[in-house]
Amino acid sequence: MSRISTVSPQDATGRTAELFARIKAGMGKVPNLFVTIGTHAPDALETALGLDAVIGKTSLAKQDIETIRLVVSEVGGCDYCVAAHTMVGKMAGLAPDAMRAVRAGVVSGDDRRDALAHFVRTLVTTNGTLGNSEYQRLRDAGFTERQIIEIALVMSGITFTNLVNRINDTDLDFPRAD
């Protein structure tokens, strides 16, 4: 059960109500994560939604974005984000086997995706400056310098939601990932 109190979306007022209405119009519902953030920090929710809009305009493919989010969420132990981004990954065209592979840190059969997943996992699980070989492996897989910056941006956004969910133990309102 979630730890942080929330208002129901229909009882929200002010800026929170506006944000919840916008989310519901776009998604058909207001996910529990957004309810939690919006109840207590509508500016943080608005910033997270804005960041997500910026991420949607990057040069990264939707499948790349969801690969990043799945790796960060799996390594961080965020069952909520793993569930949500497994569903979104499927909508982006990622095969279930590929999503399981990138979450597990094993070869998926797609060299580019595997290089991306390895790069993200390395960044999440190590400290200090990334080694040249790790950087070059991603470049050799076809990622541009711009995309490397965009990968870091996606990682920062998913890290915020992972942290909120891990603190809150947010109730799942997406199908649990296998």
Protein backbone atom coordinates (compact mmCIF):
# COMPACT_ATOMS: atom_id res chain seq x y z
CA MET A 1 0.00 0.00 0.00
CA SER A 2 1.28 3.45 -0.90
CA ARG A 3 2.82 5.41 1.97
CA ILE A 4 2.31 8.99 0.81
CA SER A 5 -1.21 10.38 1.09
CA THR A 6 -2.99 11.52 -2.06
CA VAL A 7 -6.14 13.31 -3.13
CA SER A 8 -8.36 11.57 -5.60
CA PRO A 9 -8.04 13.20 -9.02
CA GLN A 10 -11.70 14.25 -8.99
CA ASP A 11 -11.19 16.06 -5.64
CA ALA A 12 -8.04 17.92 -6.68
CA THR A 13 -8.13 21.69 -6.91
CA GLY A 14 -6.13 24.47 -8.51
CA ARG A 15 -3.02 23.67 -10.51
CA THR A 16 -3.14 20.02 -9.43
CA ALA A 17 -6.66 19.66 -10.86
CA GLU A 18 -5.53 21.25 -14.13
CA LEU A 19 -2.57 18.88 -14.42
CA PHE A 20 -4.68 15.84 -13.59
CA ALA A 21 -7.26 16.86 -16.22
CA ARG A 22 -4.51 17.21 -18.83
CA ILE A 23 -3.06 13.81 -17.94
CA LYS A 24 -6.47 12.13 -18.01
CA ALA A 25 -7.24 13.67 -21.40
CA GLY A 26 -4.00 12.28 -22.81
CA MET A 27 -3.86 8.90 -21.08
CA GLY A 28 -7.46 8.13 -20.17
CA LYS A 29 -6.53 8.02 -16.47
CA VAL A 30 -4.20 9.64 -13.97
CA PRO A 31 -1.64 7.00 -12.96
CA ASN A 32 -0.99 6.61 -9.25
CA LEU A 33 2.56 7.94 -9.63
CA PHE A 34 1.27 11.23 -11.04
CA VAL A 35 -1.43 11.45 -8.36
CA THR A 36 1.24 11.09 -5.69
CA ILE A 37 3.53 13.73 -7.17
CA GLY A 38 0.73 16.14 -8.08
CA THR A 39 -0.93 15.96 -4.67
CA HIS A 40 2.13 17.30 -2.92
CA ALA A 41 4.28 18.97 -5.58
CA PRO A 42 2.35 20.14 -8.64
CA ASP A 43 5.40 22.08 -9.87
CA ALA A 44 7.43 18.86 -9.77
CA LEU A 45 4.69 17.05 -11.71
CA GLU A 46 4.55 19.82 -14.28
CA THR A 47 8.33 19.70 -14.63
CA ALA A 48 8.28 15.89 -15.03
CA LEU A 49 5.57 16.15 -17.69
CA GLY A 50 7.55 18.86 -19.46
CA LEU A 51 10.68 16.74 -19.36
CA ASP A 52 8.73 13.85 -20.84
CA ALA A 53 7.55 16.13 -23.66
CA VAL A 54 11.15 17.16 -24.35
CA ILE A 55 12.24 13.51 -24.33
CA GLY A 56 9.52 12.77 -26.89
CA LYS A 57 11.16 15.31 -29.22
CA THR A 58 14.67 13.87 -28.99
CA SER A 59 16.38 12.03 -31.82
CA LEU A 60 16.04 8.75 -29.89
CA ALA A 61 13.54 6.20 -31.15
CA LYS A 62 10.64 5.39 -28.82
CA GLN A 63 12.06 1.87 -28.47
CA ASP A 64 15.39 3.34 -27.36
CA ILE A 65 13.67 5.55 -24.79
CA GLU A 66 11.74 2.61 -23.34
CA THR A 67 14.88 0.45 -23.33
CA ILE A 68 16.62 3.09 -21.21
CA ARG A 69 13.67 3.41 -18.87
CA LEU A 70 13.38 -0.35 -18.43
CA VAL A 71 17.08 -0.83 -17.67
CA VAL A 72 17.19 2.01 -15.12
CA SER A 73 13.97 0.84 -13.48
CA GLU A 74 15.06 -2.79 -13.32
CA VAL A 75 18.47 -1.97 -11.86
CA GLY A 76 16.87 0.46 -9.40
CA GLY A 77 14.25 -2.07 -8.34
CA CYS A 78 11.21 0.05 -9.23
CA ASP A 79 8.43 -2.44 -9.89
CA TYR A 80 6.00 0.37 -10.72
CA CYS A 81 8.17 1.84 -13.49
CA VAL A 82 9.08 -1.62 -14.80
CA ALA A 83 5.36 -2.40 -15.10
CA ALA A 84 4.48 0.95 -16.68
CA HIS A 85 7.35 0.93 -19.16
CA THR A 86 6.84 -2.71 -20.10
CA MET A 87 3.35 -1.67 -21.19
CA VAL A 88 4.63 1.46 -22.95
CA GLY A 89 7.51 -0.53 -24.48
CA LYS A 90 5.03 -2.94 -25.98
CA MET A 91 3.09 0.01 -27.45
CA ALA A 92 6.41 1.32 -28.86
CA GLY A 93 6.97 -1.99 -30.63
CA LEU A 94 9.43 -3.71 -28.29
CA ALA A 95 8.95 -7.47 -28.23
CA PRO A 96 8.35 -9.04 -24.80
CA ASP A 97 11.48 -11.20 -25.17
CA ALA A 98 13.59 -8.13 -25.98
CA MET A 99 12.25 -6.29 -22.94
CA ARG A 100 12.98 -9.26 -20.68
CA ALA A 101 16.51 -9.49 -22.10
CA VAL A 102 17.38 -5.82 -21.58
CA ARG A 103 15.95 -5.94 -18.05
CA ALA A 104 18.00 -9.05 -17.26
CA GLY A 105 21.17 -7.68 -18.81
CA VAL A 106 21.46 -10.46 -21.36
CA VAL A 107 21.81 -10.36 -25.15
CA SER A 108 18.55 -9.60 -26.92
CA GLY A 109 19.78 -10.34 -30.43
CA ASP A 110 19.70 -6.69 -31.48
CA ASP A 111 23.30 -5.39 -31.34
CA ARG A 112 22.30 -1.74 -31.22
CA ARG A 113 19.75 -2.27 -28.43
CA ASP A 114 22.20 -4.46 -26.54
CA ALA A 115 24.88 -1.75 -26.73
CA LEU A 116 22.37 0.81 -25.43
CA ALA A 117 21.21 -1.42 -22.58
CA HIS A 118 24.81 -2.24 -21.64
CA PHE A 119 25.77 1.46 -21.67
CA VAL A 120 22.82 2.45 -19.45
CA ARG A 121 23.37 -0.46 -17.06
CA THR A 122 27.05 0.46 -16.78
CA LEU A 123 26.22 4.09 -15.98
CA VAL A 124 23.70 3.05 -13.32
CA THR A 125 25.88 0.44 -11.65
CA THR A 126 29.28 2.17 -11.62
CA ASN A 127 30.78 5.36 -10.25
CA GLY A 128 33.22 7.84 -11.69
CA THR A 129 34.02 8.74 -15.25
CA LEU A 130 32.85 6.24 -17.82
CA GLY A 131 35.65 4.32 -19.51
CA ASN A 132 36.60 5.08 -23.10
CA SER A 133 35.73 1.54 -24.22
CA GLU A 134 32.18 1.89 -22.88
CA TYR A 135 31.72 5.19 -24.67
CA GLN A 136 33.21 3.85 -27.90
CA ARG A 137 31.03 0.73 -27.82
CA LEU A 138 27.93 2.94 -27.88
CA ARG A 139 29.36 5.14 -30.63
CA ASP A 140 30.26 2.03 -32.66
CA ALA A 141 26.65 0.89 -32.33
CA GLY A 142 25.61 4.04 -34.19
CA PHE A 143 24.63 6.44 -31.42
CA THR A 144 25.55 10.06 -32.02
CA GLU A 145 27.01 12.46 -29.50
CA ARG A 146 23.63 14.21 -29.38
CA GLN A 147 21.93 10.92 -28.60
CA ILE A 148 24.38 10.22 -25.79
CA ILE A 149 23.32 13.48 -24.14
CA GLU A 150 19.68 12.55 -24.75
CA ILE A 151 20.26 9.13 -23.14
CA ALA A 152 21.46 10.93 -20.01
CA LEU A 153 18.32 13.10 -20.11
CA VAL A 154 16.03 10.06 -20.28
CA MET A 155 17.97 8.46 -17.43
CA SER A 156 17.51 11.55 -15.26
CA GLY A 157 13.74 11.59 -15.79
CA ILE A 158 13.20 7.92 -15.03
CA THR A 159 15.46 8.15 -12.00
CA PHE A 160 13.12 10.77 -10.47
CA THR A 161 10.03 8.61 -10.92
CA ASN A 162 11.90 5.51 -9.72
CA LEU A 163 12.86 7.32 -6.54
CA VAL A 164 9.33 8.56 -5.85
CA ASN A 165 7.92 5.07 -6.36
CA ARG A 166 10.59 3.40 -4.24
CA ILE A 167 9.96 5.85 -1.39
CA ASN A 168 6.19 5.59 -1.73
CA ASP A 169 5.78 1.91 -2.65
CA THR A 170 3.23 3.20 -5.16
CA ASP A 171 0.29 0.88 -5.75
CA LEU A 172 0.51 -0.66 -9.22
CA ASP A 173 -2.17 0.46 -11.62
CA PHE A 174 -0.51 -1.17 -14.63
CA PRO A 175 -0.22 -4.89 -15.32
CA ARG A 176 2.71 -6.34 -13.40
CA ALA A 177 5.69 -7.10 -15.65
CA ASP A 178 6.68 -10.75 -15.94
